[in-house]
């Protein structure tokens, strides 16, 4: 992807605000256009940060190593009582350890579907639920997806993720061993699952996700691998208290902080992508799951 060095920090700060607030794309681009650095338009920098999913696919949905389909399942207590997810199984005969892949704050976009396919090629039964499915599904673009996800009852949305985890864990192709990996909002939700599921979750890998409240850490039994970006003030500010609670409760955890990275470094559809860190973190995640889900 595009070299990060040419993008001014103020544009990154605007983009982070755009991704995690009610700021519209129009407002983001308008504010960026007011910035000019060394003759380079802030608008051009801002536009380069927007995702390009078609260029980011790494595993085709027709890859012979996997079988992918959309599945519907019950979700009592969730947004509508029903959920839909993208289920990807290895072509090899199962059962397989299960992994739930939890999206960012904009629904099940093509990047997260690609991540699910990657895990299936590694031998896992992967489910990527779409938290927006009860209200029509991912709308085809992140802007509308972000607004739609923010409009949902967040407690019910997390219940939908919890039910999704239970669904893939109990699937006929699952060994019953379950791991969770999530990105941004999905990272925080992976932490949530770790606190809610207790012994039923066997490994958790949150990528730059919101930390648990100290009082909830005692409920975690799954080993945690926390994946963090070096330049991520909002999320990293939560880490000291989170780590203190993990230590005080004797929890099994490890944290990797990737130098020179920003929030979203795993997402290969934007210039925030850091290839070296993304590959290293993904390899660590796979090995972590193989260790704890075998």
Protein backbone atom coordinates (compact mmCIF):
# COMPACT_ATOMS: atom_id res chain seq x y z
CA UNK A 1 0.00 0.00 0.00
CA UNK A 2 0.96 3.70 -0.09
CA UNK A 3 3.97 4.79 1.99
CA UNK A 4 2.81 6.25 5.29
CA UNK A 5 5.48 8.93 5.46
CA UNK A 6 3.79 11.33 3.04
CA UNK A 7 0.56 11.55 5.07
CA UNK A 8 0.46 14.28 7.68
CA UNK A 9 -0.35 13.30 11.28
CA UNK A 10 -3.31 15.68 11.28
CA UNK A 11 -4.88 13.67 8.46
CA UNK A 12 -4.41 10.44 10.42
CA UNK A 13 -5.99 12.06 13.46
CA UNK A 14 -8.96 13.16 11.35
CA UNK A 15 -9.26 9.67 9.86
CA UNK A 16 -9.26 8.07 13.31
CA UNK A 17 -11.99 10.47 14.40
CA UNK A 18 -13.94 9.73 11.21
CA UNK A 19 -13.71 5.97 11.79
CA UNK A 20 -14.72 6.08 15.44
CA UNK A 21 -17.27 8.88 15.63
CA UNK A 22 -20.32 10.13 13.81
CA UNK A 23 -18.23 12.18 11.38
CA UNK A 24 -19.43 11.70 7.81
CA UNK A 25 -17.14 11.04 4.86
CA UNK A 26 -18.09 14.44 3.47
CA UNK A 27 -17.04 16.20 6.68
CA UNK A 28 -13.82 14.18 6.85
CA UNK A 29 -12.83 15.13 3.33
CA UNK A 30 -13.90 18.73 3.80
CA UNK A 31 -11.80 19.14 6.96
CA UNK A 32 -8.84 17.42 5.32
CA UNK A 33 -9.05 19.70 2.29
CA UNK A 34 -8.32 22.68 4.54
CA UNK A 35 -4.84 21.26 5.22
CA UNK A 36 -1.98 21.63 2.77
CA UNK A 37 1.53 20.35 3.45
CA UNK A 38 4.47 21.26 1.22
CA UNK A 39 2.10 21.85 -1.66
CA UNK A 40 0.34 18.51 -1.19
CA UNK A 41 -3.41 18.67 -0.68
CA UNK A 42 -4.77 17.18 2.52
CA UNK A 43 -7.75 16.04 0.47
CA UNK A 44 -5.51 13.77 -1.62
CA UNK A 45 -3.98 12.33 1.55
CA UNK A 46 -7.40 11.73 3.06
CA UNK A 47 -8.71 10.02 -0.07
CA UNK A 48 -5.71 7.69 -0.09
CA UNK A 49 -6.68 6.43 3.38
CA UNK A 50 -10.13 5.23 2.29
CA UNK A 51 -10.35 1.43 1.89
CA UNK A 52 -9.85 -0.32 -1.45
CA UNK A 53 -11.16 -3.79 -0.85
CA UNK A 54 -10.86 -5.14 -4.37
CA UNK A 55 -7.11 -4.64 -4.24
CA UNK A 56 -6.79 -6.22 -0.79
CA UNK A 57 -8.13 -9.74 -1.36
CA UNK A 58 -5.52 -12.39 -0.54
CA UNK A 59 -7.64 -15.56 -0.66
CA UNK A 60 -10.25 -16.00 -3.38
CA UNK A 61 -13.68 -17.27 -2.37
CA UNK A 62 -13.16 -19.96 -5.01
CA UNK A 63 -9.85 -21.14 -3.49
CA UNK A 64 -9.78 -24.95 -3.61
CA UNK A 65 -8.46 -25.19 -0.04
CA UNK A 66 -11.71 -23.90 1.44
CA UNK A 67 -15.49 -24.00 1.21
CA UNK A 68 -17.31 -20.76 2.00
CA UNK A 69 -20.99 -20.05 2.48
CA UNK A 70 -23.37 -17.71 4.32
CA UNK A 71 -25.31 -19.31 7.15
CA UNK A 72 -28.29 -18.23 9.23
CA UNK A 73 -28.74 -19.14 12.89
CA UNK A 74 -30.74 -18.18 15.95
CA UNK A 75 -29.58 -15.38 18.24
CA UNK A 76 -31.90 -15.16 21.26
CA UNK A 77 -31.69 -11.82 23.03
CA UNK A 78 -29.92 -10.17 20.10
CA UNK A 79 -31.03 -7.42 17.76
CA UNK A 80 -33.71 -9.48 16.02
CA UNK A 81 -33.35 -13.03 17.30
CA UNK A 82 -31.66 -14.12 14.05
CA UNK A 83 -28.13 -13.76 12.74
CA UNK A 84 -26.15 -14.39 9.58
CA UNK A 85 -22.48 -15.09 9.19
CA UNK A 86 -19.82 -16.05 6.67
CA UNK A 87 -18.76 -19.62 7.43
CA UNK A 88 -15.53 -20.86 5.88
CA UNK A 89 -14.35 -24.44 6.35
CA UNK A 90 -11.17 -26.15 5.24
CA UNK A 91 -11.64 -28.46 2.28
CA UNK A 92 -10.05 -31.25 4.32
CA UNK A 93 -12.40 -33.48 6.26
CA UNK A 94 -13.15 -32.23 9.78
CA UNK A 95 -13.77 -31.67 12.55
CA UNK A 96 -11.65 -28.54 12.95
CA UNK A 97 -10.94 -26.12 15.79
CA UNK A 98 -13.28 -23.13 15.50
CA UNK A 99 -12.46 -19.44 15.28
CA UNK A 100 -14.84 -16.50 15.33
CA UNK A 101 -13.56 -13.49 13.36
CA UNK A 102 -15.17 -10.28 14.59
CA UNK A 103 -15.43 -7.22 12.38
CA UNK A 104 -14.71 -3.57 13.05
CA UNK A 105 -17.39 -0.96 13.76
CA UNK A 106 -18.95 -1.10 10.29
CA UNK A 107 -20.23 -4.62 9.71
CA UNK A 108 -18.90 -7.56 7.76
CA UNK A 109 -16.88 -5.94 4.99
CA UNK A 110 -14.74 -7.75 2.37
CA UNK A 111 -11.56 -7.38 4.43
CA UNK A 112 -12.98 -9.38 7.34
CA UNK A 113 -14.35 -12.03 4.97
CA UNK A 114 -10.85 -12.37 3.53
CA UNK A 115 -9.43 -12.82 7.05
CA UNK A 116 -11.93 -15.63 7.68
CA UNK A 117 -10.79 -17.34 4.48
CA UNK A 118 -7.17 -17.03 5.60
CA UNK A 119 -7.92 -18.85 8.85
CA UNK A 120 -9.73 -21.61 6.98
CA UNK A 121 -6.64 -22.20 4.83
CA UNK A 122 -4.76 -22.69 8.11
CA UNK A 123 -7.09 -25.47 9.21
CA UNK A 124 -9.70 -23.62 11.25
CA UNK A 125 -13.48 -23.56 10.90
CA UNK A 126 -13.95 -19.79 10.68
CA UNK A 127 -17.13 -17.81 11.22
CA UNK A 128 -17.27 -14.08 10.50
CA UNK A 129 -20.66 -12.88 11.79
CA UNK A 130 -22.29 -9.77 10.37
CA UNK A 131 -23.63 -7.73 13.25
CA UNK A 132 -25.67 -5.74 10.73
CA UNK A 133 -27.49 -8.77 9.33
CA UNK A 134 -30.57 -8.29 11.55
CA UNK A 135 -31.03 -4.83 9.96
CA UNK A 136 -30.27 -5.75 6.36
CA UNK A 137 -26.58 -6.65 6.49
CA UNK A 138 -23.41 -4.82 5.56
CA UNK A 139 -24.68 -2.10 3.18
CA UNK A 140 -21.80 -2.32 0.74
CA UNK A 141 -19.79 0.64 2.02
CA UNK A 142 -18.15 1.46 5.33
CA UNK A 143 -19.75 4.87 5.74
CA UNK A 144 -23.30 3.57 5.87
CA UNK A 145 -22.09 0.52 7.77
CA UNK A 146 -20.56 2.67 10.50
CA UNK A 147 -23.75 4.70 10.92
CA UNK A 148 -25.91 1.57 10.93
CA UNK A 149 -23.78 -0.23 13.50
CA UNK A 150 -23.69 2.79 15.79
CA UNK A 151 -27.50 2.96 15.68
CA UNK A 152 -27.89 -0.53 17.12
CA UNK A 153 -28.43 -1.42 20.76
CA UNK A 154 -24.85 -2.26 21.70
CA UNK A 155 -25.81 -4.79 24.36
CA UNK A 156 -27.93 -6.72 21.87
CA UNK A 157 -25.18 -6.46 19.25
CA UNK A 158 -22.68 -8.04 21.63
CA UNK A 159 -25.25 -10.73 22.43
CA UNK A 160 -25.36 -11.47 18.70
CA UNK A 161 -21.57 -11.95 18.76
CA UNK A 162 -21.83 -14.19 21.81
CA UNK A 163 -24.47 -16.33 20.09
CA UNK A 164 -22.32 -16.46 16.98
CA UNK A 165 -19.41 -17.79 19.02
CA UNK A 166 -21.64 -20.47 20.51
CA UNK A 167 -22.96 -21.35 17.06
CA UNK A 168 -19.58 -22.02 15.49
CA UNK A 169 -18.31 -23.78 18.60
CA UNK A 170 -21.21 -26.24 18.50
CA UNK A 171 -21.16 -26.69 14.72
CA UNK A 172 -20.94 -30.28 13.51
CA UNK A 173 -17.59 -29.50 11.86
CA UNK A 174 -16.13 -28.06 15.08
CA UNK A 175 -13.99 -29.91 17.60
CA UNK A 176 -15.54 -27.75 20.32
CA UNK A 177 -12.35 -25.79 20.83
CA UNK A 178 -12.96 -22.07 20.20
CA UNK A 179 -10.76 -19.07 19.59
CA UNK A 180 -11.77 -15.46 19.00
CA UNK A 181 -9.95 -12.82 17.00
CA UNK A 182 -11.31 -9.33 16.41
CA UNK A 183 -10.22 -5.98 15.05
CA UNK A 184 -10.93 -2.54 16.51
CA UNK A 185 -14.55 -2.87 17.73
CA UNK A 186 -14.11 -6.59 17.21
CA UNK A 187 -11.00 -6.53 19.39
CA UNK A 188 -12.97 -5.03 22.24
CA UNK A 189 -15.71 -7.58 21.61
CA UNK A 190 -13.14 -10.39 21.72
CA UNK A 191 -12.21 -9.14 25.19
CA UNK A 192 -15.92 -9.10 26.02
CA UNK A 193 -16.31 -12.72 24.93
CA UNK A 194 -13.34 -13.70 27.07
CA UNK A 195 -15.10 -12.27 30.12
CA UNK A 196 -18.52 -13.70 29.21
CA UNK A 197 -17.65 -17.21 28.06
CA UNK A 198 -15.24 -18.30 30.75
CA UNK A 199 -13.98 -21.84 30.13
CA UNK A 200 -15.93 -22.11 26.86
CA UNK A 201 -13.46 -19.78 25.12
CA UNK A 202 -10.01 -21.31 24.77
CA UNK A 203 -7.96 -18.46 23.24
CA UNK A 204 -8.55 -14.76 22.53
CA UNK A 205 -6.62 -12.39 20.26
CA UNK A 206 -7.87 -8.78 20.36
CA UNK A 207 -6.31 -6.45 17.80
CA UNK A 208 -6.24 -2.85 19.08
CA UNK A 209 -9.51 -3.34 20.94
CA UNK A 210 -10.99 -1.56 23.93
CA UNK A 211 -9.89 -3.02 27.26
CA UNK A 212 -12.16 -4.73 29.75
CA UNK A 213 -13.22 -3.00 32.92
CA UNK A 214 -11.06 -4.09 35.82
CA UNK A 215 -13.99 -5.79 37.56
CA UNK A 216 -14.64 -8.00 34.53
CA UNK A 217 -11.09 -9.32 34.19
CA UNK A 218 -11.60 -11.87 36.98
CA UNK A 219 -14.06 -13.73 34.71
CA UNK A 220 -11.47 -14.32 31.97
CA UNK A 221 -10.01 -17.83 31.75
CA UNK A 222 -8.86 -17.94 28.12
CA UNK A 223 -5.24 -17.01 27.45
CA UNK A 224 -4.98 -13.62 25.76
CA UNK A 225 -2.67 -12.41 23.02
CA UNK A 226 -3.07 -8.64 22.80
CA UNK A 227 -2.00 -7.14 19.47
CA UNK A 228 -1.26 -3.41 19.72
CA UNK A 229 -0.17 -0.61 17.41
CA UNK A 230 2.58 1.70 18.60
CA UNK A 231 0.77 4.87 17.49
CA UNK A 232 -2.71 4.31 18.93
CA UNK A 233 -3.20 6.77 21.79
CA UNK A 234 -6.88 6.06 22.37
CA UNK A 235 -6.49 2.29 22.82
CA UNK A 236 -3.02 2.27 24.38
CA UNK A 237 -4.17 4.64 27.11
CA UNK A 238 -6.36 1.78 28.39
CA UNK A 239 -3.50 -0.72 28.60
CA UNK A 240 -1.85 0.14 31.97
CA UNK A 241 -5.05 -0.39 33.97
CA UNK A 242 -5.94 -3.47 31.90
CA UNK A 243 -2.52 -5.02 32.48
CA UNK A 244 -2.69 -4.25 36.20
CA UNK A 245 -6.03 -6.06 36.43
CA UNK A 246 -4.68 -9.02 34.42
CA UNK A 247 -1.66 -9.29 36.74
CA UNK A 248 -3.70 -8.87 39.92
CA UNK A 249 -6.00 -11.69 38.81
CA UNK A 250 -3.17 -13.99 37.71
CA UNK A 251 -4.31 -14.18 34.09
CA UNK A 252 -2.40 -15.78 31.22
CA UNK A 253 -1.65 -13.00 28.75
CA UNK A 254 0.97 -11.65 26.39
CA UNK A 255 1.11 -8.37 24.51
CA UNK A 256 2.87 -7.49 21.29
CA UNK A 257 3.45 -3.83 20.45
CA UNK A 258 4.40 -3.34 16.81
CA UNK A 259 6.87 -0.53 16.18
CA UNK A 260 6.01 2.02 13.52
CA UNK A 261 2.36 0.95 13.26
CA UNK A 262 -0.95 2.71 13.59
CA UNK A 263 -4.41 1.59 14.63
CA UNK A 264 -5.67 -0.67 11.84
CA UNK A 265 -2.24 -1.89 10.75
CA UNK A 266 -3.59 -5.36 9.94
CA UNK A 267 -6.16 -4.03 7.47
CA UNK A 268 -4.53 -4.33 4.05
CA UNK A 269 -7.16 -2.23 2.27
CA UNK A 270 -5.76 1.14 3.43
CA UNK A 271 -2.31 2.76 3.73
CA UNK A 272 -2.37 2.17 7.49
CA UNK A 273 -1.50 -1.41 6.56
CA UNK A 274 1.95 -2.45 7.72
CA UNK A 275 2.86 -5.61 5.81
CA UNK A 276 5.66 -6.76 8.10
CA UNK A 277 3.70 -6.23 11.31
CA UNK A 278 0.49 -7.67 9.86
CA UNK A 279 2.20 -10.86 8.73
CA UNK A 280 4.09 -11.27 12.00
CA UNK A 281 0.97 -10.69 14.07
CA UNK A 282 -1.06 -13.09 11.95
CA UNK A 283 1.60 -15.80 12.21
CA UNK A 284 1.67 -15.32 15.98
CA UNK A 285 -2.12 -15.54 16.10
CA UNK A 286 -2.22 -18.78 14.11
CA UNK A 287 0.47 -20.38 16.29
CA UNK A 288 -1.35 -19.19 19.42
CA UNK A 289 -4.56 -20.79 18.23
CA UNK A 290 -2.80 -24.01 17.26
CA UNK A 291 -1.26 -24.15 20.73
CA UNK A 292 -4.49 -23.61 22.64
CA UNK A 293 -7.12 -25.12 20.32
CA UNK A 294 -5.43 -28.41 19.42
